[in-house]
């Protein structure tokens, strides 16, 4: 009887482990599911506008002299910005997509940050449609807006153990000479 109980316990334990591993999708599958239609839209974009956002509501008079920010009436989803650039180069569009895609949370557990101090914005155009991506690598969050959804947005969790910047977006902004606000150390 004891042998039968031990055998049944072993079978149950192995069954549980098998179900756990079978239910755990690989990180790439999770990234594709979470980025979904928004990732496909960005990947297929014909044109991008990339924004260097200013995440704080600091009065202009309190800004360091070397920082020039656009007038307060020019905003991207409520955030003022230092400048923006435009690209239609398919290689640059694909690099921006690939870099952001790799940062989508590929783990089964996600975390939600309650802060949101984005420093990057992307407006993607595909045909007659557009979508806006507001990105905060510090708070590990991406919000996607589309005109058809008005002010509603889709929240997508980013990896919290990766570099806290989008290397391709930063490279493009730096190459264009657009100032970027850096997160606190």
N, C-alpha and C. Protein backbone atom coordinates (compact mmCIF):
# COMPACT_ATOMS: atom_id res chain seq x y z
N UNK A 1 0.82 -1.19 0.00
CA UNK A 1 0.00 0.00 0.00
C UNK A 1 0.88 1.26 0.00
N UNK A 2 1.91 1.23 0.79
CA UNK A 2 2.82 2.37 0.87
C UNK A 2 3.50 2.59 -0.49
N UNK A 3 3.86 1.51 -1.15
CA UNK A 3 4.50 1.58 -2.46
C UNK A 3 3.53 2.19 -3.48
N UNK A 4 2.28 1.83 -3.41
CA UNK A 4 1.26 2.37 -4.31
C UNK A 4 1.09 3.87 -4.08
N UNK A 5 1.06 4.30 -2.84
CA UNK A 5 0.93 5.72 -2.52
C UNK A 5 2.13 6.50 -3.04
N UNK A 6 3.33 5.97 -2.88
CA UNK A 6 4.54 6.61 -3.36
C UNK A 6 4.52 6.71 -4.88
N UNK A 7 4.09 5.66 -5.54
CA UNK A 7 4.00 5.65 -6.99
C UNK A 7 2.98 6.68 -7.48
N UNK A 8 1.82 6.76 -6.86
CA UNK A 8 0.80 7.74 -7.25
C UNK A 8 1.30 9.17 -7.03
N UNK A 9 1.98 9.42 -5.92
CA UNK A 9 2.53 10.74 -5.64
C UNK A 9 3.54 11.13 -6.71
N UNK A 10 4.39 10.22 -7.11
CA UNK A 10 5.38 10.48 -8.15
C UNK A 10 4.72 10.82 -9.47
N UNK A 11 3.69 10.08 -9.83
CA UNK A 11 2.98 10.33 -11.09
C UNK A 11 2.32 11.70 -11.06
N UNK A 12 1.70 12.06 -9.95
CA UNK A 12 1.05 13.37 -9.82
C UNK A 12 2.07 14.48 -9.93
N UNK A 13 3.21 14.35 -9.25
CA UNK A 13 4.26 15.37 -9.31
C UNK A 13 4.79 15.53 -10.73
N UNK A 14 5.06 14.43 -11.41
CA UNK A 14 5.54 14.51 -12.79
C UNK A 14 4.50 15.13 -13.69
N UNK A 15 3.24 14.80 -13.47
CA UNK A 15 2.16 15.37 -14.26
C UNK A 15 2.09 16.88 -14.06
N UNK A 16 2.22 17.36 -12.81
CA UNK A 16 2.19 18.79 -12.53
C UNK A 16 3.35 19.49 -13.21
N UNK A 17 4.54 18.93 -13.14
CA UNK A 17 5.71 19.53 -13.79
C UNK A 17 5.52 19.58 -15.30
N UNK A 18 4.96 18.54 -15.87
CA UNK A 18 4.73 18.52 -17.31
C UNK A 18 3.74 19.62 -17.70
N UNK A 19 2.65 19.76 -16.92
CA UNK A 19 1.65 20.79 -17.23
C UNK A 19 2.25 22.18 -17.09
N UNK A 20 3.09 22.41 -16.06
CA UNK A 20 3.72 23.72 -15.89
C UNK A 20 4.58 24.05 -17.10
N UNK A 21 5.43 23.10 -17.52
CA UNK A 21 6.31 23.39 -18.65
C UNK A 21 5.51 23.51 -19.94
N UNK A 22 4.44 22.76 -20.10
CA UNK A 22 3.63 22.83 -21.31
C UNK A 22 2.86 24.15 -21.38
N UNK A 23 2.54 24.74 -20.25
CA UNK A 23 1.77 25.97 -20.22
C UNK A 23 2.64 27.22 -20.33
N UNK A 24 3.94 27.09 -20.21
CA UNK A 24 4.84 28.22 -20.25
C UNK A 24 5.26 28.51 -21.69
N UNK A 25 4.65 29.49 -22.35
CA UNK A 25 5.08 29.79 -23.72
C UNK A 25 6.48 30.40 -23.70
N UNK A 26 7.17 30.27 -24.80
CA UNK A 26 8.51 30.83 -24.86
C UNK A 26 8.41 32.36 -24.92
N UNK A 27 9.47 33.07 -24.53
CA UNK A 27 9.44 34.54 -24.48
C UNK A 27 9.04 35.19 -25.80
N UNK A 28 9.50 34.66 -26.91
CA UNK A 28 9.17 35.26 -28.20
C UNK A 28 7.67 35.16 -28.49
N UNK A 29 7.05 34.05 -28.13
CA UNK A 29 5.61 33.90 -28.32
C UNK A 29 4.87 34.93 -27.47
N UNK A 30 5.30 35.12 -26.24
CA UNK A 30 4.67 36.13 -25.37
C UNK A 30 4.84 37.53 -25.94
N UNK A 31 6.02 37.84 -26.43
CA UNK A 31 6.25 39.17 -27.02
C UNK A 31 5.31 39.41 -28.20
N UNK A 32 5.22 38.41 -29.09
CA UNK A 32 4.34 38.56 -30.26
C UNK A 32 2.89 38.74 -29.84
N UNK A 33 2.45 37.96 -28.86
CA UNK A 33 1.06 38.08 -28.39
C UNK A 33 0.81 39.43 -27.74
N UNK A 34 1.73 39.89 -26.92
CA UNK A 34 1.52 41.15 -26.19
C UNK A 34 1.63 42.36 -27.10
N UNK A 35 2.57 42.34 -28.03
CA UNK A 35 2.73 43.48 -28.95
C UNK A 35 1.66 43.41 -30.04
N UNK A 36 1.29 42.20 -30.41
CA UNK A 36 0.16 41.93 -31.31
C UNK A 36 0.05 42.85 -32.51
N UNK A 37 -1.16 43.35 -32.72
CA UNK A 37 -1.44 44.19 -33.89
C UNK A 37 -0.63 45.48 -33.84
N UNK A 38 -0.30 45.96 -32.62
CA UNK A 38 0.48 47.20 -32.51
C UNK A 38 1.91 46.99 -33.00
N UNK A 39 2.46 45.81 -32.71
CA UNK A 39 3.80 45.49 -33.21
C UNK A 39 3.81 45.33 -34.71
N UNK A 40 2.79 44.66 -35.24
CA UNK A 40 2.69 44.49 -36.69
C UNK A 40 2.55 45.84 -37.39
N UNK A 41 1.74 46.72 -36.79
CA UNK A 41 1.55 48.05 -37.36
C UNK A 41 2.87 48.80 -37.42
N UNK A 42 3.62 48.79 -36.32
CA UNK A 42 4.90 49.48 -36.28
C UNK A 42 5.89 48.85 -37.26
N UNK A 43 5.91 47.54 -37.32
CA UNK A 43 6.82 46.85 -38.22
C UNK A 43 6.52 47.18 -39.69
N UNK A 44 5.26 47.38 -40.02
CA UNK A 44 4.86 47.67 -41.41
C UNK A 44 4.73 49.16 -41.71
N UNK A 45 5.11 50.00 -40.76
CA UNK A 45 4.97 51.45 -40.95
C UNK A 45 5.79 51.93 -42.14
N UNK A 46 5.23 52.90 -42.84
CA UNK A 46 5.91 53.50 -43.98
C UNK A 46 6.71 54.74 -43.56
N UNK A 47 6.29 55.31 -42.43
CA UNK A 47 6.95 56.53 -41.95
C UNK A 47 6.84 56.59 -40.44
N UNK A 48 7.90 57.06 -39.80
CA UNK A 48 7.90 57.26 -38.35
C UNK A 48 8.27 58.70 -38.03
N UNK A 49 7.61 59.24 -37.04
CA UNK A 49 8.07 60.47 -36.39
C UNK A 49 8.52 60.03 -35.00
N UNK A 50 9.74 60.38 -34.64
CA UNK A 50 10.30 59.97 -33.36
C UNK A 50 10.49 61.21 -32.51
N UNK A 51 9.93 61.19 -31.31
CA UNK A 51 9.92 62.33 -30.41
C UNK A 51 10.86 62.10 -29.23
N UNK A 52 11.56 63.16 -28.84
CA UNK A 52 12.33 63.14 -27.60
C UNK A 52 11.48 63.90 -26.59
N UNK A 53 10.85 63.16 -25.68
CA UNK A 53 9.89 63.75 -24.75
C UNK A 53 10.56 64.30 -23.50
N UNK A 54 9.92 65.30 -22.96
CA UNK A 54 10.33 65.89 -21.69
C UNK A 54 9.29 65.43 -20.67
N UNK A 55 9.67 64.54 -19.74
CA UNK A 55 8.67 63.89 -18.90
C UNK A 55 8.14 64.69 -17.71
N UNK A 56 8.75 65.79 -17.40
CA UNK A 56 8.36 66.53 -16.19
C UNK A 56 7.58 67.79 -16.54
N UNK A 57 6.82 68.27 -15.59
CA UNK A 57 6.12 69.54 -15.73
C UNK A 57 6.90 70.63 -14.99
N UNK A 58 8.06 70.94 -15.51
CA UNK A 58 8.92 71.95 -14.91
C UNK A 58 8.75 73.24 -15.72
N UNK A 59 8.53 74.38 -15.05
CA UNK A 59 8.40 75.64 -15.79
C UNK A 59 9.67 75.93 -16.60
N UNK A 60 9.48 76.52 -17.78
CA UNK A 60 10.62 76.83 -18.64
C UNK A 60 11.71 77.61 -17.92
N UNK A 61 11.31 78.53 -17.03
CA UNK A 61 12.31 79.37 -16.33
C UNK A 61 13.23 78.53 -15.43
N UNK A 62 12.81 77.34 -15.05
CA UNK A 62 13.62 76.49 -14.18
C UNK A 62 14.48 75.48 -14.94
N UNK A 63 14.40 75.51 -16.27
CA UNK A 63 15.20 74.59 -17.07
C UNK A 63 16.64 75.09 -17.19
N UNK A 64 17.61 74.20 -17.25
CA UNK A 64 18.98 74.63 -17.51
C UNK A 64 19.05 75.38 -18.84
N UNK A 65 19.96 76.35 -18.95
CA UNK A 65 20.05 77.18 -20.16
C UNK A 65 20.26 76.37 -21.43
N UNK A 66 21.03 75.28 -21.34
CA UNK A 66 21.35 74.51 -22.55
C UNK A 66 20.18 73.69 -23.05
N UNK A 67 19.13 73.59 -22.27
CA UNK A 67 17.98 72.79 -22.66
C UNK A 67 16.93 73.69 -23.31
N UNK A 68 16.67 73.42 -24.57
CA UNK A 68 15.63 74.15 -25.28
C UNK A 68 14.48 73.19 -25.52
N UNK A 69 13.33 73.56 -25.02
CA UNK A 69 12.16 72.71 -25.17
C UNK A 69 11.15 73.47 -26.02
N UNK A 70 10.40 72.76 -26.81
CA UNK A 70 9.43 73.42 -27.67
C UNK A 70 8.32 74.06 -26.83
N UNK A 71 7.62 75.04 -27.39
CA UNK A 71 6.57 75.72 -26.63
C UNK A 71 5.56 74.74 -26.04
N UNK A 72 4.95 75.17 -24.94
CA UNK A 72 4.05 74.28 -24.19
C UNK A 72 2.80 73.89 -24.98
N UNK A 73 2.49 74.61 -26.06
CA UNK A 73 1.32 74.21 -26.84
C UNK A 73 1.64 73.08 -27.82
N UNK A 74 2.90 72.70 -27.93
CA UNK A 74 3.28 71.57 -28.78
C UNK A 74 3.53 70.37 -27.88
N UNK A 75 2.58 69.45 -27.90
CA UNK A 75 2.67 68.29 -27.01
C UNK A 75 2.39 67.00 -27.78
N UNK A 76 2.91 65.93 -27.22
CA UNK A 76 2.66 64.59 -27.74
C UNK A 76 2.02 63.81 -26.60
N UNK A 77 0.73 63.63 -26.65
CA UNK A 77 -0.06 62.96 -25.61
C UNK A 77 0.19 63.57 -24.23
N UNK A 78 0.18 64.89 -24.21
CA UNK A 78 0.30 65.62 -22.95
C UNK A 78 1.73 65.91 -22.53
N UNK A 79 2.71 65.43 -23.25
CA UNK A 79 4.11 65.64 -22.89
C UNK A 79 4.76 66.59 -23.88
N UNK A 80 5.43 67.60 -23.34
CA UNK A 80 6.20 68.50 -24.20
C UNK A 80 7.41 67.72 -24.72
N UNK A 81 7.99 68.23 -25.78
CA UNK A 81 9.13 67.51 -26.34
C UNK A 81 10.22 68.46 -26.79
N UNK A 82 11.44 67.91 -26.82
CA UNK A 82 12.61 68.67 -27.22
C UNK A 82 12.67 68.83 -28.73
N UNK A 83 12.21 67.85 -29.43
CA UNK A 83 12.24 67.87 -30.88
C UNK A 83 11.77 66.53 -31.42
N UNK A 84 11.70 66.46 -32.72
CA UNK A 84 11.30 65.21 -33.35
C UNK A 84 12.01 65.10 -34.69
N UNK A 85 12.07 63.88 -35.17
CA UNK A 85 12.64 63.62 -36.48
C UNK A 85 11.70 62.71 -37.23
N UNK A 86 11.89 62.65 -38.52
CA UNK A 86 11.05 61.79 -39.36
C UNK A 86 11.94 60.87 -40.17
N UNK A 87 11.50 59.64 -40.33
CA UNK A 87 12.22 58.70 -41.18
C UNK A 87 11.24 57.87 -42.00
N UNK A 88 11.64 57.65 -43.23
CA UNK A 88 10.89 56.74 -44.11
C UNK A 88 11.80 55.60 -44.56
N UNK A 89 13.01 55.56 -44.04
CA UNK A 89 13.96 54.52 -44.39
C UNK A 89 13.49 53.18 -43.83
N UNK A 90 13.18 52.20 -44.68
CA UNK A 90 12.67 50.92 -44.19
C UNK A 90 13.62 50.22 -43.21
N UNK A 91 14.93 50.39 -43.39
CA UNK A 91 15.89 49.78 -42.46
C UNK A 91 15.80 50.41 -41.08
N UNK A 92 15.63 51.72 -41.02
CA UNK A 92 15.50 52.40 -39.73
C UNK A 92 14.18 52.02 -39.06
N UNK A 93 13.10 51.97 -39.85
CA UNK A 93 11.80 51.57 -39.30
C UNK A 93 11.89 50.17 -38.70
N UNK A 94 12.50 49.26 -39.44
CA UNK A 94 12.63 47.89 -38.96
C UNK A 94 13.52 47.81 -37.72
N UNK A 95 14.59 48.60 -37.67
CA UNK A 95 15.47 48.60 -36.49
C UNK A 95 14.76 49.13 -35.25
N UNK A 96 13.95 50.18 -35.43
CA UNK A 96 13.18 50.73 -34.30
C UNK A 96 12.20 49.66 -33.81
N UNK A 97 11.47 49.02 -34.75
CA UNK A 97 10.54 47.97 -34.36
C UNK A 97 11.27 46.83 -33.64
N UNK A 98 12.37 46.34 -34.21
CA UNK A 98 13.08 45.19 -33.63
C UNK A 98 13.59 45.51 -32.23
N UNK A 99 14.10 46.71 -32.04
CA UNK A 99 14.61 47.10 -30.72
C UNK A 99 13.48 47.15 -29.69
N UNK A 100 12.35 47.75 -30.07
CA UNK A 100 11.22 47.82 -29.15
C UNK A 100 10.61 46.43 -28.92
N UNK A 101 10.50 45.65 -29.98
CA UNK A 101 9.95 44.29 -29.87
C UNK A 101 10.74 43.46 -28.85
N UNK A 102 12.06 43.57 -28.86
CA UNK A 102 12.90 42.81 -27.93
C UNK A 102 12.67 43.22 -26.48
N UNK A 103 12.14 44.41 -26.28
CA UNK A 103 11.94 44.92 -24.92
C UNK A 103 10.54 44.64 -24.37
N UNK A 104 9.65 44.09 -25.21
CA UNK A 104 8.33 43.69 -24.73
C UNK A 104 8.54 42.55 -23.74
N UNK A 105 7.81 42.58 -22.66
CA UNK A 105 7.99 41.58 -21.60
C UNK A 105 7.72 40.18 -22.15
N UNK A 106 8.74 39.32 -22.08
CA UNK A 106 8.63 37.96 -22.56
C UNK A 106 8.52 36.95 -21.43
N UNK A 107 8.17 37.43 -20.25
CA UNK A 107 8.04 36.53 -19.10
C UNK A 107 6.55 36.32 -18.82
N UNK A 108 6.25 35.22 -18.15
CA UNK A 108 4.84 34.93 -17.87
C UNK A 108 4.27 35.87 -16.83
N UNK A 109 5.09 36.36 -15.93
CA UNK A 109 4.59 37.32 -14.94
C UNK A 109 4.92 38.71 -15.43
N UNK A 110 4.00 39.62 -15.25
CA UNK A 110 4.23 41.00 -15.64
C UNK A 110 4.10 41.88 -14.43
N UNK A 111 4.73 43.02 -14.51
CA UNK A 111 4.60 43.99 -13.43
C UNK A 111 4.06 45.28 -14.02
N UNK A 112 3.33 46.00 -13.22
CA UNK A 112 2.77 47.27 -13.65
C UNK A 112 3.37 48.35 -12.78
N UNK A 113 3.99 49.32 -13.42
CA UNK A 113 4.55 50.45 -12.70
C UNK A 113 3.48 51.55 -12.65
N UNK A 114 3.39 52.20 -11.53
CA UNK A 114 2.39 53.25 -11.40
C UNK A 114 2.92 54.62 -11.80
N UNK A 115 4.22 54.69 -12.03
CA UNK A 115 4.79 55.93 -12.54
C UNK A 115 4.71 55.90 -14.07
N UNK A 116 4.88 57.02 -14.70
CA UNK A 116 4.96 57.05 -16.15
C UNK A 116 5.63 58.35 -16.53
N UNK A 117 6.94 58.29 -16.77
CA UNK A 117 7.74 59.45 -17.15
C UNK A 117 8.41 59.16 -18.49
N UNK A 118 7.64 59.12 -19.55
CA UNK A 118 8.19 58.71 -20.85
C UNK A 118 9.18 59.73 -21.40
N UNK A 119 10.18 59.22 -22.07
CA UNK A 119 11.17 60.06 -22.71
C UNK A 119 11.23 59.83 -24.22
N UNK A 120 10.41 58.89 -24.70
CA UNK A 120 10.39 58.58 -26.12
C UNK A 120 8.95 58.48 -26.62
N UNK A 121 8.74 58.94 -27.82
CA UNK A 121 7.45 58.80 -28.47
C UNK A 121 7.66 58.45 -29.94
N UNK A 122 6.77 57.65 -30.47
CA UNK A 122 6.84 57.28 -31.88
C UNK A 122 5.44 57.43 -32.46
N UNK A 123 5.34 58.14 -33.57
CA UNK A 123 4.09 58.18 -34.34
C UNK A 123 4.37 57.40 -35.62
N UNK A 124 3.62 56.33 -35.80
CA UNK A 124 3.82 55.46 -36.96
C UNK A 124 2.67 55.64 -37.94
N UNK A 125 3.01 55.75 -39.20
CA UNK A 125 2.04 55.89 -40.28
C UNK A 125 2.08 54.66 -41.16
N UNK A 126 0.92 54.10 -41.41
CA UNK A 126 0.80 52.94 -42.29
C UNK A 126 -0.44 53.20 -43.15
N UNK A 127 -0.21 53.54 -44.41
CA UNK A 127 -1.34 53.93 -45.26
C UNK A 127 -1.96 55.20 -44.71
N UNK A 128 -3.28 55.19 -44.54
CA UNK A 128 -4.00 56.36 -44.01
C UNK A 128 -4.14 56.32 -42.49
N UNK A 129 -3.61 55.30 -41.87
CA UNK A 129 -3.75 55.14 -40.42
C UNK A 129 -2.48 55.57 -39.70
N UNK A 130 -2.65 55.91 -38.42
CA UNK A 130 -1.49 56.20 -37.58
C UNK A 130 -1.73 55.66 -36.19
N UNK A 131 -0.65 55.39 -35.49
CA UNK A 131 -0.68 54.98 -34.09
C UNK A 131 0.47 55.66 -33.38
N UNK A 132 0.23 55.98 -32.13
CA UNK A 132 1.25 56.62 -31.31
C UNK A 132 1.70 55.67 -30.22
N UNK A 133 3.01 55.62 -30.02
CA UNK A 133 3.63 54.77 -29.01
C UNK A 133 4.36 55.70 -28.05
N UNK A 134 3.92 55.71 -26.79
CA UNK A 134 4.55 56.53 -25.76
C UNK A 134 5.29 55.57 -24.85
N UNK A 135 6.61 55.77 -24.74
CA UNK A 135 7.47 54.75 -24.13
C UNK A 135 8.20 55.29 -22.92
N UNK A 136 8.11 54.53 -21.83
CA UNK A 136 8.87 54.85 -20.63
C UNK A 136 9.67 53.61 -20.24
N UNK A 137 10.96 53.63 -20.59
CA UNK A 137 11.80 52.49 -20.25
C UNK A 137 12.12 52.48 -18.76
N UNK A 138 12.10 53.64 -18.12
CA UNK A 138 12.35 53.71 -16.68
C UNK A 138 11.23 53.04 -15.90
N UNK A 139 10.00 53.25 -16.33
CA UNK A 139 8.84 52.68 -15.65
C UNK A 139 8.38 51.37 -16.31
N UNK A 140 9.15 50.90 -17.27
CA UNK A 140 8.90 49.65 -18.00
C UNK A 140 7.47 49.56 -18.55
N UNK A 141 7.08 50.63 -19.26
CA UNK A 141 5.72 50.68 -19.78
C UNK A 141 5.67 51.30 -21.16
N UNK A 142 4.78 50.78 -21.96
CA UNK A 142 4.50 51.29 -23.29
C UNK A 142 3.00 51.51 -23.38
N UNK A 143 2.61 52.66 -23.87
CA UNK A 143 1.19 52.93 -24.10
C UNK A 143 1.01 53.22 -25.58
N UNK A 144 0.04 52.54 -26.17
CA UNK A 144 -0.22 52.70 -27.60
C UNK A 144 -1.59 53.34 -27.77
N UNK A 145 -1.63 54.40 -28.59
CA UNK A 145 -2.86 55.13 -28.86
C UNK A 145 -3.15 55.05 -30.36
N UNK A 146 -4.43 54.97 -30.68
CA UNK A 146 -4.83 55.09 -32.08
C UNK A 146 -5.99 56.07 -32.13
N UNK A 147 -6.08 56.87 -33.19
CA UNK A 147 -7.14 57.89 -33.25
C UNK A 147 -8.53 57.32 -33.07
N UNK A 148 -8.75 56.09 -33.50
CA UNK A 148 -10.08 55.51 -33.37
C UNK A 148 -10.44 55.23 -31.91
N UNK A 149 -9.43 55.16 -31.03
CA UNK A 149 -9.69 54.89 -29.61
C UNK A 149 -9.71 56.16 -28.77
N UNK A 150 -9.62 57.32 -29.42
CA UNK A 150 -9.62 58.59 -28.71
C UNK A 150 -8.46 58.64 -27.72
N UNK A 151 -8.74 58.92 -26.45
CA UNK A 151 -7.67 59.01 -25.44
C UNK A 151 -7.40 57.68 -24.75
N UNK A 152 -8.14 56.65 -25.09
CA UNK A 152 -7.88 55.35 -24.50
C UNK A 152 -6.58 54.81 -25.07
N UNK A 153 -5.90 54.00 -24.27
CA UNK A 153 -4.65 53.45 -24.75
C UNK A 153 -4.53 52.00 -24.33
N UNK A 154 -3.64 51.31 -25.01
CA UNK A 154 -3.31 49.93 -24.69
C UNK A 154 -2.01 49.93 -23.91
N UNK A 155 -2.01 49.33 -22.74
CA UNK A 155 -0.81 49.24 -21.91
C UNK A 155 -0.08 47.95 -22.23
N UNK A 156 1.23 48.05 -22.47
CA UNK A 156 2.06 46.87 -22.72
C UNK A 156 3.26 46.94 -21.80
N UNK A 157 3.48 45.88 -21.06
CA UNK A 157 4.60 45.81 -20.12
C UNK A 157 5.91 45.54 -20.86
N UNK A 158 6.96 46.24 -20.43
CA UNK A 158 8.29 46.03 -20.99
C UNK A 158 9.13 45.21 -20.03
N UNK A 159 10.24 44.68 -20.52
CA UNK A 159 11.17 43.93 -19.67
C UNK A 159 11.74 44.87 -18.62
N UNK A 160 11.86 44.40 -17.39
CA UNK A 160 12.44 45.26 -16.36
C UNK A 160 13.90 44.93 -16.09
N UNK A 161 14.45 43.99 -16.83
CA UNK A 161 15.86 43.67 -16.61
C UNK A 161 16.70 43.96 -17.85
N UNK A 162 16.20 44.84 -18.72
CA UNK A 162 16.99 45.20 -19.90
C UNK A 162 17.47 46.64 -19.74
N UNK A 163 18.29 47.05 -20.67
CA UNK A 163 18.77 48.42 -20.69
C UNK A 163 17.56 49.35 -20.67
N UNK A 164 17.65 50.44 -19.94
CA UNK A 164 16.49 51.32 -19.80
C UNK A 164 16.41 52.36 -20.91
N UNK A 165 16.83 52.01 -22.08
CA UNK A 165 16.70 52.94 -23.20
C UNK A 165 16.46 52.16 -24.48
N UNK A 166 15.95 52.86 -25.47
CA UNK A 166 15.78 52.26 -26.78
C UNK A 166 16.99 52.70 -27.58
N UNK A 167 17.91 51.80 -27.79
CA UNK A 167 19.18 52.15 -28.40
C UNK A 167 19.03 52.73 -29.79
N UNK A 168 18.17 52.17 -30.62
CA UNK A 168 18.01 52.67 -31.99
C UNK A 168 17.35 54.04 -31.99
N UNK A 169 16.31 54.24 -31.19
CA UNK A 169 15.66 55.55 -31.13
C UNK A 169 16.66 56.60 -30.64
N UNK A 170 17.42 56.27 -29.59
CA UNK A 170 18.42 57.22 -29.10
C UNK A 170 19.47 57.53 -30.15
N UNK A 171 19.91 56.51 -30.88
CA UNK A 171 20.91 56.71 -31.94
C UNK A 171 20.37 57.68 -32.99
N UNK A 172 19.12 57.50 -33.40
CA UNK A 172 18.54 58.39 -34.41
C UNK A 172 18.38 59.82 -33.88
N UNK A 173 17.92 59.96 -32.64
CA UNK A 173 17.78 61.29 -32.04
C UNK A 173 19.14 61.98 -31.91
N UNK A 174 20.13 61.24 -31.44
CA UNK A 174 21.48 61.81 -31.29
C UNK A 174 22.05 62.22 -32.64
N UNK A 175 21.86 61.39 -33.65
CA UNK A 175 22.36 61.69 -34.99
C UNK A 175 21.71 62.96 -35.55
N UNK A 176 20.45 63.18 -35.20
CA UNK A 176 19.73 64.38 -35.67
C UNK A 176 20.04 65.60 -34.79
N UNK A 177 20.81 65.40 -33.72
CA UNK A 177 21.17 66.52 -32.84
C UNK A 177 20.03 66.97 -31.94
N UNK A 178 19.10 66.06 -31.64
CA UNK A 178 17.96 66.39 -30.79
C UNK A 178 18.29 66.02 -29.35
N UNK A 179 18.11 66.98 -28.47
CA UNK A 179 18.41 66.76 -27.04
C UNK A 179 17.52 65.67 -26.47
N UNK A 180 18.08 64.89 -25.56
CA UNK A 180 17.31 63.87 -24.86
C UNK A 180 17.43 64.09 -23.37
N UNK A 181 16.32 63.94 -22.66
CA UNK A 181 16.33 63.99 -21.20
C UNK A 181 16.77 62.62 -20.72
N UNK A 182 17.70 62.60 -19.81
CA UNK A 182 18.21 61.33 -19.29
C UNK A 182 17.55 61.01 -17.96
N UNK A 183 17.24 59.72 -17.73
CA UNK A 183 16.64 59.36 -16.44
C UNK A 183 17.63 59.59 -15.31
N UNK A 184 17.12 59.81 -14.11
CA UNK A 184 18.02 60.00 -12.97
C UNK A 184 18.85 58.73 -12.74
N UNK A 185 20.10 58.92 -12.22
CA UNK A 185 20.96 57.74 -11.99
C UNK A 185 20.42 56.81 -10.94
